[in-house]
Amino acid sequence: MRPSAARLLNILVPVKRSVDYAVKIRVNPQQTGVDLNVKHSMNPFDEIAVEEAVRLRERLKDGVKSIKAVTIGPPKASETLRTALAMGADSAIHVEIPESAPAPEPLGVAKALHALIQRGDGEGKVDLVIMGKQAIDDDAGQTGQMLAGLLGWGQATFASKVQVDVEKREAVVLREIDGGSEEIRCRLPLVVTTDLRLNEPRYASLPNIMKAKKKPIEKLTAADLGVDFTPRLETLKVTEPPVRVGGGKVESVDELVAKLKDAGFTAA
């Protein structure tokens, strides 16, 4: 009997439209959050995730069947998907929410991704999720771990190196930890979150940007997935930190002690 051929990998890469990393963040006049009327782009950690998926295809050749990008956001988030398609993703899914709707929280995003993955079966079943370890707007760093928990899959967070063996259906991941790194071996299916040292994302070439315009983007809603993006947390108020007051110079230790006493500082 001939051994059955290993099933090719289907990779899912969640990406997020966030305020561009070069923009100086300011609190909006209502003090309900930051001013969003600024330049947006793909979350940098998600760019690393897209790049790693494309590099896996380049290393594994025909071992990767498909790379699909997915985002949850307003209509303008489709621009982020086009960037992922220009970098090398094959197709994309846009779970669209109203422009005025609040940004989904990590648990809501994880539930939506869980529902998307559960839709696939057979040859289209997702084997590997590669996503940024966090988004630079909320810095929550929770979605990947929550998704792995909902799916019951293994997880390899803060990855700085990823090696996948299609035949053995396993991956070896080097991950960043306090004071060094840790190498772990995981069985597929798997959720991987990317760290900065994993790679340096490529710039999309003009021909690939043009090709990306013809690649398919499937439109879905929260209702299609049976999920609710209603926030569980309420932001009461957002304010900027107080302006730092300039320091001063003293001529002697005695003058320093006197100033400290005047400011209310006393020896214990």
Protein backbone atom coordinates (compact mmCIF):
# COMPACT_ATOMS: atom_id res chain seq x y z
CA MET A 1 0.00 0.00 0.00
CA ARG A 2 1.31 3.42 -0.91
CA PRO A 3 1.54 5.95 1.91
CA SER A 4 -1.03 8.72 1.59
CA ALA A 5 0.34 12.08 0.52
CA ALA A 6 0.60 14.74 3.18
CA ARG A 7 -2.16 17.31 2.94
CA LEU A 8 -0.94 20.72 1.86
CA LEU A 9 -1.00 23.60 4.33
CA ASN A 10 -3.72 26.22 4.43
CA ILE A 11 -2.51 29.30 6.29
CA LEU A 12 -4.77 31.98 7.76
CA VAL A 13 -3.28 35.40 8.55
CA PRO A 14 -5.45 37.84 10.55
CA VAL A 15 -4.47 41.49 9.98
CA LYS A 16 -5.65 44.73 11.56
CA ARG A 17 -6.00 48.28 10.28
CA SER A 18 -4.51 50.54 12.93
CA VAL A 19 -3.19 54.07 13.28
CA ASP A 20 0.13 54.28 11.43
CA TYR A 21 3.13 53.74 13.67
CA ALA A 22 4.68 57.08 12.61
CA VAL A 23 1.64 59.16 13.65
CA LYS A 24 1.80 61.08 16.91
CA ILE A 25 -1.20 59.93 18.94
CA ARG A 26 -3.56 62.59 20.30
CA VAL A 27 -6.66 62.30 22.47
CA ASN A 28 -9.89 63.32 20.73
CA PRO A 29 -11.83 66.36 22.00
CA GLN A 30 -14.53 64.13 23.56
CA GLN A 31 -11.84 62.31 25.61
CA THR A 32 -13.37 58.98 24.60
CA GLY A 33 -10.26 57.68 22.82
CA VAL A 34 -7.57 58.78 20.39
CA ASP A 35 -8.12 60.87 17.28
CA LEU A 36 -8.71 58.46 14.40
CA ASN A 37 -8.78 61.08 11.62
CA VAL A 38 -5.16 60.29 10.80
CA LYS A 39 -3.22 57.97 8.52
CA HIS A 40 -3.88 54.25 9.03
CA SER A 41 -1.91 51.22 7.85
CA MET A 42 -1.49 47.52 8.60
CA ASN A 43 -0.46 46.76 12.16
CA PRO A 44 3.36 46.21 11.97
CA PHE A 45 3.24 42.86 13.79
CA ASP A 46 0.64 41.65 11.28
CA GLU A 47 2.93 42.69 8.42
CA ILE A 48 5.51 40.35 9.93
CA ALA A 49 2.88 37.59 10.03
CA VAL A 50 2.02 38.03 6.33
CA GLU A 51 5.71 38.05 5.45
CA GLU A 52 6.31 34.83 7.39
CA ALA A 53 3.42 33.07 5.65
CA VAL A 54 4.86 34.07 2.25
CA ARG A 55 8.35 32.95 3.29
CA LEU A 56 6.97 29.58 4.42
CA ARG A 57 5.55 29.14 0.92
CA GLU A 58 8.91 30.07 -0.60
CA ARG A 59 10.70 27.53 1.62
CA LEU A 60 8.13 24.74 1.40
CA LYS A 61 7.35 25.32 -2.30
CA ASP A 62 4.24 23.26 -3.07
CA GLY A 63 3.79 22.38 0.60
CA VAL A 64 1.59 25.46 1.09
CA LYS A 65 -1.74 25.32 -0.70
CA SER A 66 -3.16 28.72 0.23
CA ILE A 67 -2.53 31.87 2.22
CA LYS A 68 -5.68 33.71 3.21
CA ALA A 69 -5.74 37.10 4.97
CA VAL A 70 -8.68 38.18 7.13
CA THR A 71 -9.56 41.45 8.79
CA ILE A 72 -12.41 42.76 10.92
CA GLY A 73 -13.10 46.43 10.45
CA PRO A 74 -14.92 49.23 8.62
CA PRO A 75 -15.06 49.48 4.82
CA LYS A 76 -11.65 51.21 4.70
CA ALA A 77 -10.06 48.07 6.19
CA SER A 78 -10.23 46.52 2.71
CA GLU A 79 -7.14 48.64 1.91
CA THR A 80 -5.25 46.68 4.55
CA LEU A 81 -6.32 43.43 2.90
CA ARG A 82 -5.10 44.70 -0.48
CA THR A 83 -1.71 45.30 1.10
CA ALA A 84 -1.63 41.71 2.36
CA LEU A 85 -2.64 40.45 -1.09
CA ALA A 86 0.10 42.54 -2.70
CA MET A 87 2.64 41.01 -0.30
CA GLY A 88 1.70 37.50 -1.44
CA ALA A 89 -1.58 36.32 0.11
CA ASP A 90 -3.88 34.50 -2.34
CA SER A 91 -7.29 35.66 -1.14
CA ALA A 92 -8.91 37.54 1.70
CA ILE A 93 -11.98 37.79 3.92
CA HIS A 94 -13.37 41.10 5.19
CA VAL A 95 -15.69 40.87 8.18
CA GLU A 96 -17.20 44.32 7.81
CA ILE A 97 -18.47 46.46 10.68
CA PRO A 98 -20.01 49.96 10.49
CA GLU A 99 -17.65 52.94 10.37
CA SER A 100 -19.16 54.28 13.59
CA ALA A 101 -18.92 50.98 15.48
CA PRO A 102 -16.34 50.63 18.27
CA ALA A 103 -13.31 48.48 17.54
CA PRO A 104 -13.94 44.82 18.44
CA GLU A 105 -12.30 43.62 21.63
CA PRO A 106 -9.81 40.67 21.59
CA LEU A 107 -12.40 38.10 22.70
CA GLY A 108 -14.84 39.18 19.98
CA VAL A 109 -12.09 38.97 17.37
CA ALA A 110 -11.04 35.52 18.62
CA LYS A 111 -14.64 34.28 18.44
CA ALA A 112 -15.01 35.59 14.88
CA LEU A 113 -11.77 33.91 13.78
CA HIS A 114 -12.90 30.72 15.51
CA ALA A 115 -16.17 30.80 13.56
CA LEU A 116 -14.30 31.42 10.29
CA ILE A 117 -11.96 28.49 10.89
CA GLN A 118 -14.85 26.20 11.80
CA ARG A 119 -16.44 26.94 8.41
CA GLY A 120 -13.56 25.26 6.58
CA ASP A 121 -13.44 21.53 6.04
CA GLY A 122 -11.65 18.96 3.93
CA GLU A 123 -8.94 20.41 1.70
CA GLY A 124 -9.86 23.96 2.76
CA LYS A 125 -9.38 23.35 6.47
CA VAL A 126 -7.00 25.80 8.16
CA ASP A 127 -3.81 24.18 9.47
CA LEU A 128 -1.85 27.19 10.66
CA VAL A 129 -2.79 30.64 11.93
CA ILE A 130 0.00 33.23 11.91
CA MET A 131 -0.83 36.58 13.48
CA GLY A 132 0.85 39.52 15.18
CA LYS A 133 1.52 39.13 18.90
CA GLN A 134 -0.30 42.43 19.53
CA ALA A 135 -1.74 45.49 17.84
CA ILE A 136 0.04 48.79 18.37
CA ASP A 137 -3.22 50.65 19.10
CA ASP A 138 -4.41 48.74 22.18
CA ASP A 139 -1.30 46.59 22.93
CA ALA A 140 -3.63 43.93 24.35
CA GLY A 141 -1.68 40.90 23.10
CA GLN A 142 -4.58 38.53 23.84
CA THR A 143 -6.27 37.48 20.60
CA GLY A 144 -3.87 34.69 19.58
CA GLN A 145 -4.00 33.01 22.96
CA MET A 146 -7.79 33.29 23.16
CA LEU A 147 -8.17 31.85 19.65
CA ALA A 148 -5.97 28.86 20.50
CA GLY A 149 -8.05 28.28 23.63
CA LEU A 150 -11.35 28.39 21.73
CA LEU A 151 -10.04 26.02 19.06
CA GLY A 152 -8.28 23.67 21.47
CA TRP A 153 -5.09 24.06 19.38
CA GLY A 154 -1.49 24.39 20.43
CA GLN A 155 0.01 27.88 20.52
CA ALA A 156 3.49 29.31 20.02
CA THR A 157 3.60 32.97 21.03
CA PHE A 158 6.27 35.66 20.47
CA ALA A 159 7.87 33.64 17.68
CA SER A 160 11.29 34.72 16.38
CA LYS A 161 11.78 31.66 14.13
CA VAL A 162 9.29 29.22 12.60
CA GLN A 163 10.09 25.91 10.87
CA VAL A 164 7.27 23.70 9.57
CA ASP A 165 7.51 20.04 8.56
CA VAL A 166 4.54 19.30 6.31
CA GLU A 167 5.16 15.53 6.28
CA LYS A 168 5.28 15.23 10.08
CA ARG A 169 2.53 17.84 10.54
CA GLU A 170 4.55 19.69 13.14
CA ALA A 171 6.38 22.97 13.67
CA VAL A 172 9.47 23.97 15.63
CA VAL A 173 9.20 27.52 16.94
CA LEU A 174 11.83 29.64 18.65
CA ARG A 175 10.06 32.10 20.91
CA GLU A 176 11.17 35.17 22.83
CA ILE A 177 11.09 34.90 26.62
CA ASP A 178 12.47 37.03 29.45
CA GLY A 179 16.24 36.79 29.37
CA GLY A 180 16.59 34.67 26.24
CA SER A 181 14.66 32.33 23.95
CA GLU A 182 12.85 29.00 24.12
CA GLU A 183 12.45 26.34 21.40
CA ILE A 184 9.22 24.37 21.35
CA ARG A 185 7.87 21.64 19.08
CA CYS A 186 4.16 21.79 18.28
CA ARG A 187 1.76 19.64 16.33
CA LEU A 188 -0.44 21.16 13.66
CA PRO A 189 -3.00 22.71 13.67
CA LEU A 190 -1.33 25.59 15.46
CA VAL A 191 -1.64 29.29 16.32
CA VAL A 192 1.60 31.30 16.04
CA THR A 193 2.00 34.93 17.12
CA THR A 194 4.91 36.87 15.68
CA ASP A 195 7.61 38.93 17.38
CA LEU A 196 9.75 41.67 15.84
CA ARG A 197 12.83 39.48 15.29
CA LEU A 198 10.99 36.95 13.11
CA ASN A 199 11.62 38.79 9.82
CA GLU A 200 11.64 42.11 8.02
CA PRO A 201 8.56 42.53 5.81
CA ARG A 202 9.05 43.14 2.12
CA TYR A 203 7.74 46.12 0.20
CA ALA A 204 5.03 45.20 -2.28
CA SER A 205 6.17 45.77 -5.87
CA LEU A 206 4.04 47.77 -8.29
CA PRO A 207 3.16 44.69 -10.42
CA ASN A 208 2.04 42.84 -7.28
CA ILE A 209 -0.03 45.84 -6.16
CA MET A 210 -1.80 45.76 -9.51
CA LYS A 211 -2.33 41.98 -9.30
CA ALA A 212 -3.76 42.37 -5.79
CA LYS A 213 -6.64 44.42 -7.19
CA LYS A 214 -7.87 41.32 -9.02
CA LYS A 215 -7.56 38.89 -6.10
CA PRO A 216 -10.84 37.92 -4.42
CA ILE A 217 -12.06 39.45 -1.14
CA GLU A 218 -15.05 37.73 0.46
CA LYS A 219 -17.36 40.05 2.40
CA LEU A 220 -18.99 38.82 5.62
CA THR A 221 -20.76 40.34 8.61
CA ALA A 222 -20.82 39.48 12.29
CA ALA A 223 -24.29 38.00 11.76
CA ASP A 224 -22.93 35.64 9.10
CA LEU A 225 -20.52 34.25 11.69
CA GLY A 226 -22.96 34.28 14.57
CA VAL A 227 -20.79 36.53 16.73
CA ASP A 228 -21.48 39.71 18.68
CA PHE A 229 -18.91 42.52 18.72
CA THR A 230 -20.67 44.51 21.45
CA PRO A 231 -17.90 45.71 23.82
CA ARG A 232 -17.74 44.15 27.27
CA LEU A 233 -15.62 47.00 28.58
CA GLU A 234 -16.55 50.68 28.88
CA THR A 235 -13.93 53.39 28.51
CA LEU A 236 -14.85 56.14 30.95
CA LYS A 237 -12.29 58.74 29.99
CA VAL A 238 -9.02 59.10 28.08
CA THR A 239 -6.63 61.94 28.90
CA GLU A 240 -3.12 62.84 27.88
CA PRO A 241 -0.39 62.56 30.53
CA PRO A 242 0.46 65.83 32.33
CA VAL A 243 3.09 68.00 30.69
CA ARG A 244 6.45 67.38 32.28
CA VAL A 245 7.73 70.32 34.28
CA GLY A 246 11.32 71.35 33.65
CA GLY A 247 13.98 70.72 36.29
CA GLY A 248 16.12 73.23 38.12
CA LYS A 249 19.71 73.61 39.28
CA VAL A 250 21.01 74.29 42.79
CA GLU A 251 24.34 75.68 43.88
CA SER A 252 24.85 73.49 46.96
CA VAL A 253 23.63 70.52 48.95
CA ASP A 254 22.12 72.83 51.55
CA GLU A 255 20.04 74.55 48.88
CA LEU A 256 18.91 71.14 47.57
CA VAL A 257 17.85 70.04 51.07
CA ALA A 258 15.96 73.27 51.58
CA LYS A 259 14.10 72.88 48.29
CA LEU A 260 13.19 69.29 49.15
CA LYS A 261 11.80 70.40 52.52
CA ASP A 262 9.79 73.16 50.87
CA ALA A 263 8.33 70.53 48.50
CA GLY A 264 7.26 68.40 51.47
CA PHE A 265 10.00 65.77 51.36
CA THR A 266 11.43 64.88 54.77
CA ALA A 267 13.91 62.30 55.98
CA ALA A 268 12.40 59.04 57.16
